[in-house]
Amino acid sequence: MQAQLRTQGILVRHFMMPRTEHFLRVSIGTEEEMERFVEAYEVILKHSIS
């Protein structure tokens, strides 16, 4: 997921610690950034499900 979001121009942080290794951190500052993230995430999920 991290690499796929990066190709969409969205940077996320992945932590390699036991309690957080399956999570990504996403920092969003504006409504436009949130919309862009949601759109990219939905595209990635559609392709991973089909």
N, C-alpha and C. Protein backbone atom coordinates (compact mmCIF):
# COMPACT_ATOMS: atom_id res chain seq x y z
N MET A 1 0.82 -1.18 0.00
CA MET A 1 0.00 0.00 0.00
C MET A 1 0.87 1.25 0.00
N GLN A 2 1.93 1.24 0.78
CA GLN A 2 2.80 2.41 0.86
C GLN A 2 3.38 2.76 -0.51
N ALA A 3 3.87 1.78 -1.22
CA ALA A 3 4.45 2.02 -2.55
C ALA A 3 3.39 2.49 -3.54
N GLN A 4 2.21 1.92 -3.46
CA GLN A 4 1.13 2.30 -4.37
C GLN A 4 0.68 3.74 -4.12
N LEU A 5 0.60 4.13 -2.86
CA LEU A 5 0.23 5.52 -2.56
C LEU A 5 1.34 6.46 -3.02
N ARG A 6 2.58 6.05 -2.86
CA ARG A 6 3.71 6.89 -3.29
C ARG A 6 3.65 7.14 -4.79
N THR A 7 3.26 6.15 -5.58
CA THR A 7 3.16 6.36 -7.03
C THR A 7 2.06 7.36 -7.37
N GLN A 8 1.12 7.53 -6.45
CA GLN A 8 0.04 8.51 -6.62
C GLN A 8 0.45 9.88 -6.07
N GLY A 9 1.70 9.99 -5.59
CA GLY A 9 2.18 11.25 -5.05
C GLY A 9 1.78 11.50 -3.61
N ILE A 10 1.36 10.44 -2.91
CA ILE A 10 0.94 10.56 -1.52
C ILE A 10 1.98 9.85 -0.66
N LEU A 11 2.58 10.61 0.24
CA LEU A 11 3.62 10.06 1.10
C LEU A 11 3.02 9.62 2.43
N VAL A 12 3.34 8.42 2.82
CA VAL A 12 2.88 7.88 4.09
C VAL A 12 4.09 7.30 4.81
N ARG A 13 3.94 7.09 6.09
CA ARG A 13 5.05 6.54 6.86
C ARG A 13 4.65 5.18 7.41
N HIS A 14 5.55 4.22 7.24
CA HIS A 14 5.33 2.87 7.73
C HIS A 14 6.29 2.62 8.88
N PHE A 15 5.76 2.18 9.99
CA PHE A 15 6.58 1.92 11.17
C PHE A 15 6.84 0.42 11.29
N MET A 16 8.08 0.06 11.49
CA MET A 16 8.45 -1.35 11.61
C MET A 16 8.65 -1.74 13.07
N MET A 17 7.63 -1.48 13.87
CA MET A 17 7.66 -1.84 15.29
C MET A 17 6.58 -2.89 15.52
N PRO A 18 6.78 -3.75 16.50
CA PRO A 18 5.84 -4.85 16.73
C PRO A 18 4.36 -4.44 16.79
N ARG A 19 4.03 -3.37 17.47
CA ARG A 19 2.62 -3.00 17.63
C ARG A 19 2.07 -2.21 16.45
N THR A 20 2.94 -1.69 15.59
CA THR A 20 2.47 -0.83 14.51
C THR A 20 2.88 -1.30 13.13
N GLU A 21 3.43 -2.50 13.01
CA GLU A 21 3.98 -2.95 11.74
C GLU A 21 2.93 -3.13 10.63
N HIS A 22 1.67 -3.22 10.99
CA HIS A 22 0.62 -3.42 9.99
C HIS A 22 -0.17 -2.13 9.71
N PHE A 23 0.41 -0.99 10.09
CA PHE A 23 -0.28 0.28 9.95
C PHE A 23 0.56 1.28 9.17
N LEU A 24 -0.12 2.22 8.54
CA LEU A 24 0.53 3.35 7.88
C LEU A 24 0.07 4.62 8.57
N ARG A 25 0.98 5.58 8.64
CA ARG A 25 0.62 6.90 9.18
C ARG A 25 0.41 7.85 8.02
N VAL A 26 -0.73 8.50 8.01
CA VAL A 26 -1.06 9.46 6.97
C VAL A 26 -1.32 10.80 7.64
N SER A 27 -0.60 11.83 7.23
CA SER A 27 -0.83 13.18 7.75
C SER A 27 -1.49 14.00 6.66
N ILE A 28 -2.63 14.56 6.97
CA ILE A 28 -3.40 15.33 6.00
C ILE A 28 -3.65 16.71 6.59
N GLY A 29 -3.37 17.75 5.80
CA GLY A 29 -3.50 19.10 6.31
C GLY A 29 -4.70 19.86 5.80
N THR A 30 -5.14 19.55 4.59
CA THR A 30 -6.24 20.32 4.01
C THR A 30 -7.34 19.38 3.51
N GLU A 31 -8.49 19.96 3.24
CA GLU A 31 -9.61 19.20 2.69
C GLU A 31 -9.23 18.62 1.32
N GLU A 32 -8.50 19.38 0.53
CA GLU A 32 -8.08 18.92 -0.80
C GLU A 32 -7.14 17.72 -0.68
N GLU A 33 -6.24 17.75 0.30
CA GLU A 33 -5.35 16.61 0.52
C GLU A 33 -6.13 15.38 0.94
N MET A 34 -7.15 15.58 1.75
CA MET A 34 -7.99 14.46 2.18
C MET A 34 -8.72 13.85 0.99
N GLU A 35 -9.28 14.69 0.14
CA GLU A 35 -9.98 14.20 -1.04
C GLU A 35 -9.03 13.44 -1.96
N ARG A 36 -7.84 13.97 -2.15
CA ARG A 36 -6.84 13.30 -3.00
C ARG A 36 -6.44 11.95 -2.43
N PHE A 37 -6.24 11.89 -1.12
CA PHE A 37 -5.90 10.62 -0.47
C PHE A 37 -7.02 9.60 -0.64
N VAL A 38 -8.25 10.01 -0.36
CA VAL A 38 -9.39 9.09 -0.45
C VAL A 38 -9.53 8.56 -1.87
N GLU A 39 -9.40 9.41 -2.85
CA GLU A 39 -9.51 8.97 -4.25
C GLU A 39 -8.42 7.95 -4.58
N ALA A 40 -7.20 8.24 -4.21
CA ALA A 40 -6.09 7.32 -4.49
C ALA A 40 -6.29 6.00 -3.75
N TYR A 41 -6.71 6.06 -2.50
CA TYR A 41 -6.92 4.87 -1.70
C TYR A 41 -8.02 4.00 -2.30
N GLU A 42 -9.10 4.61 -2.74
CA GLU A 42 -10.19 3.86 -3.36
C GLU A 42 -9.74 3.16 -4.63
N VAL A 43 -8.94 3.82 -5.45
CA VAL A 43 -8.43 3.20 -6.68
C VAL A 43 -7.57 1.99 -6.33
N ILE A 44 -6.70 2.13 -5.34
CA ILE A 44 -5.83 1.03 -4.95
C ILE A 44 -6.66 -0.14 -4.42
N LEU A 45 -7.65 0.16 -3.59
CA LEU A 45 -8.50 -0.92 -3.06
C LEU A 45 -9.28 -1.63 -4.16
N LYS A 46 -9.80 -0.88 -5.12
CA LYS A 46 -10.54 -1.51 -6.24
C LYS A 46 -9.65 -2.49 -6.99
N HIS A 47 -8.41 -2.09 -7.25
CA HIS A 47 -7.50 -2.97 -8.00
C HIS A 47 -7.04 -4.17 -7.17
N SER A 48 -6.97 -4.01 -5.88
CA SER A 48 -6.53 -5.13 -5.04
C SER A 48 -7.65 -6.15 -4.82
N ILE A 49 -8.89 -5.70 -4.91
CA ILE A 49 -10.04 -6.60 -4.71
C ILE A 49 -10.36 -7.37 -5.98
N SER A 50 -10.22 -6.71 -7.14
CA SER A 50 -10.58 -7.38 -8.39
C SER A 50 -9.52 -8.30 -8.91
